[in-house]
Amino acid sequence: MTSNLKLGTQHTMTQAVNGSSKLLGNKAHQIKDFLLGIKVTTYYVLAVALVLISLLFAIANKALQDAPAAHIEVSSEHLSPAQHQALKSAVGGAVSDNFFTADLQALRDLALSQQWVDQVSITRDWQRGIIISALPKQAVANFGTERLIDAKGSVFVPVESVDLMREQFVNLQGDQEKSRVIMQQMQQINEWFAPLNMKVEDIILTPRMTWLVRFDNGIRLIVDNEDTARKLMSLSQLLNGQLAPRLSEMQSVDLRYKNGFAIAWKVTESSAAETKPQKQPKERIVFDGRTDQTIG
């Protein structure tokens, strides 16, 4: 009887284990089916999202392609009425793209291609469109008779011809490619001769690299391209020193000598009436202080 009881117990336990295994198997299968369903749903949602994104992108692209050309506004700030109108005419019909696709760099390059324009700033404004702001070059001297030059040595043609040949401007002449060199030379000469209250009024650089200078007090000088800076600086020191008492008597100075220079003196009315016409007296001076009189 005991043996039968043990066999019954074992059979019951086996059934319980088998039942539990079957239940666990069913649960695992249900979980697997659930996860598979989530995976399929996720793929479906992603597919739908991609389709929607593609559709939105196509709509947006179509809208951009069909959008009207961007409105361009040129700011009048810092510009004269003539400059404002000239810049509007230059860039007004240059943009066929819309607000979003317009090439701002190309538009900036176009504005800067105007000789008189110095700086350009371009921004997008939702309400006003594309805004162009510009600063004109500030002329400091005449360059020849048909152009102006700014402090950086940039030569340009002004919008209005009335701006040419201003009387208060220094007159610079020479090859346009040498404009910066000419500007720097003028500034340097003004610095050296400032203690004498002399300023350059005209300066010319010839094709042979010879400098012709006329100061506001009427004195003219000529200097070649050999040791130009040393000759000019030495002259300014002598005029501020031993030659200072006779500065007002000088008419021109020739610096085309290796170790000195020649001075042409003014001829007064009294001396001109008392003497027969003759060549102007010249005095050759060397930089070490010795004087050599020569009559030209």
Protein backbone atom coordinates (compact mmCIF):
# COMPACT_ATOMS: atom_id res chain seq x y z
CA MET A 1 0.00 0.00 0.00
CA THR A 2 2.84 2.30 0.80
CA SER A 3 4.32 1.56 -2.59
CA ASN A 4 1.09 2.50 -4.33
CA LEU A 5 0.95 5.74 -2.36
CA LYS A 6 4.44 6.70 -3.50
CA LEU A 7 3.58 5.93 -7.09
CA GLY A 8 0.46 8.11 -6.90
CA THR A 9 2.39 10.97 -5.40
CA GLN A 10 5.05 10.79 -8.08
CA HIS A 11 2.40 10.70 -10.80
CA THR A 12 0.68 13.76 -9.33
CA MET A 13 3.97 15.67 -9.13
CA THR A 14 4.77 14.73 -12.72
CA GLN A 15 1.43 16.02 -13.86
CA ALA A 16 1.97 19.25 -11.92
CA VAL A 17 5.40 19.77 -13.46
CA ASN A 18 4.09 19.03 -16.92
CA GLY A 19 1.22 21.43 -16.36
CA SER A 20 3.56 24.15 -15.19
CA SER A 21 5.86 23.60 -18.16
CA LYS A 22 2.93 23.78 -20.52
CA LEU A 23 1.69 26.97 -18.84
CA LEU A 24 5.14 28.56 -19.04
CA GLY A 25 5.40 27.56 -22.69
CA ASN A 26 2.04 29.18 -23.41
CA LYS A 27 3.10 32.34 -21.60
CA ALA A 28 6.39 32.49 -23.50
CA HIS A 29 4.56 32.02 -26.76
CA GLN A 30 2.14 34.79 -25.87
CA ILE A 31 5.02 37.15 -24.97
CA LYS A 32 6.79 36.29 -28.22
CA ASP A 33 3.65 37.00 -30.20
CA PHE A 34 3.19 40.29 -28.30
CA LEU A 35 6.76 41.43 -29.00
CA LEU A 36 6.43 40.44 -32.63
CA GLY A 37 3.27 42.52 -32.85
CA ILE A 38 5.07 45.53 -31.32
CA LYS A 39 7.92 45.08 -33.80
CA VAL A 40 5.55 44.97 -36.75
CA THR A 41 3.68 48.01 -35.44
CA THR A 42 6.96 49.93 -35.01
CA TYR A 43 7.99 49.18 -38.57
CA TYR A 44 4.62 50.29 -39.77
CA VAL A 45 4.76 53.55 -37.82
CA LEU A 46 8.28 54.25 -39.11
CA ALA A 47 7.21 53.55 -42.66
CA VAL A 48 4.26 55.90 -42.33
CA ALA A 49 6.51 58.57 -40.76
CA LEU A 50 9.00 58.31 -43.60
CA VAL A 51 6.24 58.66 -46.14
CA LEU A 52 4.88 61.72 -44.35
CA ILE A 53 8.35 63.29 -44.08
CA SER A 54 9.00 62.68 -47.77
CA LEU A 55 5.63 64.17 -48.61
CA LEU A 56 6.28 67.25 -46.45
CA PHE A 57 9.73 67.67 -47.98
CA ALA A 58 8.28 67.49 -51.48
CA ILE A 59 5.61 70.05 -50.58
CA ALA A 60 8.18 72.38 -49.00
CA ASN A 61 10.51 72.04 -51.98
CA LYS A 62 7.65 72.77 -54.35
CA ALA A 63 6.73 75.82 -52.30
CA LEU A 64 10.32 77.08 -52.44
CA GLN A 65 10.51 76.58 -56.18
CA ASP A 66 7.23 78.41 -56.73
CA ALA A 67 8.00 81.24 -54.28
CA PRO A 68 8.35 84.71 -55.84
CA ALA A 69 11.73 86.40 -56.20
CA ALA A 70 13.04 87.94 -53.02
CA HIS A 71 12.37 91.61 -52.39
CA ILE A 72 15.61 93.58 -52.16
CA GLU A 73 15.77 96.75 -50.12
CA VAL A 74 18.80 99.03 -50.28
CA SER A 75 19.25 101.08 -47.13
CA SER A 76 19.78 104.80 -47.73
CA GLU A 77 21.72 105.23 -44.49
CA HIS A 78 25.24 106.65 -44.99
CA LEU A 79 24.56 107.16 -48.72
CA SER A 80 23.84 110.28 -50.71
CA PRO A 81 20.67 110.23 -52.84
CA ALA A 82 22.77 109.65 -55.97
CA GLN A 83 24.73 106.81 -54.34
CA HIS A 84 21.52 105.22 -53.06
CA GLN A 85 19.95 105.29 -56.53
CA ALA A 86 23.14 103.96 -58.17
CA LEU A 87 23.32 100.98 -55.81
CA LYS A 88 19.61 100.22 -56.26
CA SER A 89 20.08 100.18 -60.01
CA ALA A 90 23.10 97.90 -59.75
CA VAL A 91 21.51 95.20 -57.55
CA GLY A 92 17.79 95.70 -58.10
CA GLY A 93 17.24 93.09 -60.81
CA ALA A 94 20.16 90.85 -59.94
CA VAL A 95 18.23 88.32 -57.79
CA SER A 96 15.72 85.92 -59.31
CA ASP A 97 15.81 83.47 -56.39
CA ASN A 98 13.42 83.65 -53.47
CA PHE A 99 13.95 84.76 -49.88
CA PHE A 100 15.45 81.42 -48.78
CA THR A 101 17.53 80.45 -51.80
CA ALA A 102 19.01 83.84 -52.75
CA ASP A 103 22.81 83.79 -52.84
CA LEU A 104 23.78 86.54 -50.41
CA GLN A 105 27.50 86.22 -51.13
CA ALA A 106 26.96 86.76 -54.85
CA LEU A 107 24.78 89.75 -54.06
CA ARG A 108 27.48 91.16 -51.77
CA ASP A 109 30.14 90.70 -54.46
CA LEU A 110 27.94 92.54 -56.93
CA ALA A 111 27.53 95.49 -54.57
CA LEU A 112 31.27 95.61 -53.90
CA SER A 113 31.97 95.65 -57.64
CA GLN A 114 30.84 99.27 -57.60
CA GLN A 115 34.13 101.19 -57.37
CA TRP A 116 32.86 103.72 -54.85
CA VAL A 117 31.51 101.12 -52.39
CA ASP A 118 33.79 100.36 -49.44
CA GLN A 119 31.82 97.95 -47.22
CA VAL A 120 28.60 95.95 -47.64
CA SER A 121 26.36 94.17 -45.15
CA ILE A 122 23.44 91.93 -46.23
CA THR A 123 20.77 90.43 -43.95
CA ARG A 124 17.46 88.60 -44.29
CA ASP A 125 14.40 90.19 -42.70
CA TRP A 126 11.10 88.32 -42.57
CA GLN A 127 9.05 91.45 -43.11
CA ARG A 128 11.27 93.59 -45.34
CA GLY A 129 13.08 90.96 -47.41
CA ILE A 130 16.80 91.08 -48.16
CA ILE A 131 18.38 94.24 -46.77
CA ILE A 132 21.57 95.69 -48.28
CA SER A 133 23.53 98.28 -46.31
CA ALA A 134 26.64 99.92 -47.74
CA LEU A 135 29.34 102.39 -46.77
CA PRO A 136 30.89 104.55 -49.50
CA LYS A 137 34.61 105.15 -49.79
CA GLN A 138 35.75 108.41 -48.25
CA ALA A 139 37.95 110.33 -50.66
CA VAL A 140 40.97 112.15 -49.23
CA ALA A 141 42.62 113.29 -52.48
CA ASN A 142 42.17 113.67 -56.22
CA PHE A 143 43.83 111.04 -58.39
CA GLY A 144 44.36 112.60 -61.76
CA THR A 145 41.38 114.58 -63.03
CA GLU A 146 38.72 111.87 -63.26
CA ARG A 147 39.16 109.79 -60.12
CA LEU A 148 39.46 110.03 -56.36
CA ILE A 149 41.51 108.07 -53.85
CA ASP A 150 40.79 107.09 -50.23
CA ALA A 151 43.19 106.85 -47.29
CA LYS A 152 43.95 103.20 -48.08
CA GLY A 153 45.11 104.08 -51.59
CA SER A 154 42.04 102.71 -53.35
CA VAL A 155 41.23 104.63 -56.54
CA PHE A 156 37.61 104.99 -57.63
CA VAL A 157 35.27 106.98 -59.83
CA PRO A 158 32.65 108.82 -57.76
CA VAL A 159 28.96 108.58 -58.53
CA GLU A 160 28.69 112.32 -59.12
CA SER A 161 31.21 114.19 -61.25
CA VAL A 162 30.87 117.26 -59.03
CA ASP A 163 32.96 115.40 -56.46
CA LEU A 164 35.99 115.49 -58.78
CA MET A 165 38.88 117.94 -58.41
CA ARG A 166 37.92 119.35 -55.05
CA GLU A 167 40.05 122.35 -54.24
CA GLN A 168 40.68 121.23 -50.67
CA PHE A 169 42.11 117.91 -51.84
CA VAL A 170 45.72 117.05 -52.59
CA ASN A 171 46.32 116.13 -56.23
CA LEU A 172 47.97 112.75 -56.85
CA GLN A 173 49.05 111.50 -60.25
CA GLY A 174 50.67 108.33 -61.54
CA ASP A 175 49.98 104.75 -62.55
CA GLN A 176 46.85 103.50 -60.81
CA GLU A 177 48.67 100.29 -59.87
CA LYS A 178 51.05 102.48 -57.82
CA SER A 179 48.23 104.36 -56.08
CA ARG A 180 48.96 102.90 -52.64
CA VAL A 181 52.66 103.69 -53.00
CA ILE A 182 51.84 107.27 -53.97
CA MET A 183 49.45 107.66 -51.04
CA GLN A 184 51.99 106.27 -48.57
CA GLN A 185 54.72 108.55 -49.96
CA MET A 186 52.50 111.61 -49.58
CA GLN A 187 51.67 110.69 -45.99
CA GLN A 188 55.34 110.11 -45.18
CA ILE A 189 56.44 113.43 -46.72
CA ASN A 190 53.75 115.28 -44.77
CA GLU A 191 55.02 113.66 -41.58
CA TRP A 192 58.65 114.64 -42.24
CA PHE A 193 57.82 118.25 -43.20
CA ALA A 194 55.13 118.83 -40.55
CA PRO A 195 57.60 120.71 -38.23
CA LEU A 196 58.02 123.23 -41.08
CA ASN A 197 54.23 123.65 -41.47
CA MET A 198 54.56 122.37 -45.02
CA LYS A 199 52.02 120.05 -46.61
CA VAL A 200 51.99 118.33 -49.98
CA GLU A 201 49.63 119.99 -52.44
CA ASP A 202 50.57 118.03 -55.58
CA ILE A 203 52.57 114.83 -55.95
CA ILE A 204 53.37 112.98 -59.18
CA LEU A 205 55.10 109.64 -59.74
CA THR A 206 56.42 109.45 -63.31
CA PRO A 207 56.80 106.22 -65.30
CA ARG A 208 60.55 106.43 -64.56
CA MET A 209 59.79 106.44 -60.82
CA THR A 210 60.76 110.08 -60.34
CA TRP A 211 58.84 112.03 -57.72
CA LEU A 212 57.61 115.59 -58.35
CA VAL A 213 56.24 117.35 -55.28
CA ARG A 214 54.75 120.81 -54.75
CA PHE A 215 54.07 122.06 -51.23
CA ASP A 216 51.36 124.44 -50.10
CA ASN A 217 53.97 127.20 -49.62
CA GLY A 218 54.91 126.97 -53.32
CA ILE A 219 58.25 125.14 -52.94
CA ARG A 220 58.71 122.36 -55.49
CA LEU A 221 61.08 119.42 -55.31
CA ILE A 222 62.14 116.58 -57.55
CA VAL A 223 63.70 113.34 -56.35
CA ASP A 224 64.60 110.05 -58.03
CA ASN A 225 64.00 106.53 -56.77
CA GLU A 226 67.50 106.05 -55.36
CA ASP A 227 67.57 106.50 -51.56
CA THR A 228 64.38 108.51 -51.85
CA ALA A 229 63.42 108.31 -48.18
CA ARG A 230 66.91 109.27 -46.95
CA LYS A 231 67.10 112.29 -49.27
CA LEU A 232 63.66 113.59 -48.29
CA MET A 233 64.23 113.15 -44.58
CA SER A 234 67.68 114.81 -44.76
CA LEU A 235 66.18 117.76 -46.65
CA SER A 236 63.46 118.23 -44.03
CA GLN A 237 66.10 118.29 -41.28
CA LEU A 238 68.25 120.86 -43.11
CA LEU A 239 65.27 123.09 -43.87
CA ASN A 240 64.36 122.97 -40.20
CA GLY A 241 67.96 123.77 -39.23
CA GLN A 242 70.64 125.73 -41.02
CA LEU A 243 68.49 126.59 -44.05
CA ALA A 244 65.45 127.71 -42.04
CA PRO A 245 66.21 131.47 -42.40
CA ARG A 246 66.14 131.22 -46.20
CA LEU A 247 63.17 128.90 -46.54
CA SER A 248 60.91 131.65 -47.89
CA GLU A 249 63.47 132.45 -50.62
CA MET A 250 63.46 128.95 -52.11
CA GLN A 251 61.64 128.15 -55.31
CA SER A 252 62.61 124.51 -55.97
CA VAL A 253 64.91 121.77 -54.75
CA ASP A 254 66.50 119.08 -56.92
CA LEU A 255 67.36 115.92 -54.95
CA ARG A 256 68.58 113.87 -57.90
CA TYR A 257 72.16 113.90 -56.62
CA LYS A 258 73.87 111.09 -54.80
CA ASN A 259 75.20 113.09 -51.85
CA GLY A 260 73.47 116.45 -52.03
CA PHE A 261 70.87 118.63 -53.67
CA ALA A 262 70.53 121.85 -55.66
CA ILE A 263 68.36 124.81 -54.69
CA ALA A 264 66.81 127.28 -57.15
CA TRP A 265 66.18 130.64 -55.45
CA LYS A 266 63.35 133.02 -56.13
CA VAL A 267 64.18 136.13 -58.19
CA THR A 268 62.78 139.27 -56.56
CA GLU A 269 61.20 142.04 -58.63
CA SER A 270 63.94 144.53 -57.73
CA SER A 271 66.78 142.25 -58.73
CA ALA A 272 64.96 141.29 -61.92
CA ALA A 273 64.63 144.98 -62.90
CA GLU A 274 68.28 145.80 -62.19
CA THR A 275 69.80 142.85 -64.02
CA LYS A 276 69.46 141.47 -67.50
CA PRO A 277 67.46 138.28 -67.94
CA GLN A 278 69.52 135.28 -66.98
CA LYS A 279 69.15 131.79 -65.69
CA GLN A 280 68.11 131.43 -62.08
CA PRO A 281 70.99 131.03 -59.62
CA LYS A 282 71.31 127.59 -58.12
CA GLU A 283 73.13 126.53 -55.02
CA ARG A 284 74.31 122.96 -54.63
CA ILE A 285 74.41 121.69 -51.05
CA VAL A 286 75.83 118.39 -49.86
CA PHE A 287 74.41 116.53 -46.90
CA ASP A 288 77.59 116.77 -44.78
CA GLY A 289 77.19 120.53 -44.48
CA ARG A 290 79.60 121.75 -47.18
CA THR A 291 78.26 124.25 -49.72
CA ASP A 292 79.16 124.40 -53.38
CA GLN A 293 77.95 127.48 -55.35
CA THR A 294 76.95 126.78 -58.95
CA ILE A 295 75.33 129.08 -61.46
CA GLY A 296 72.95 127.43 -63.91
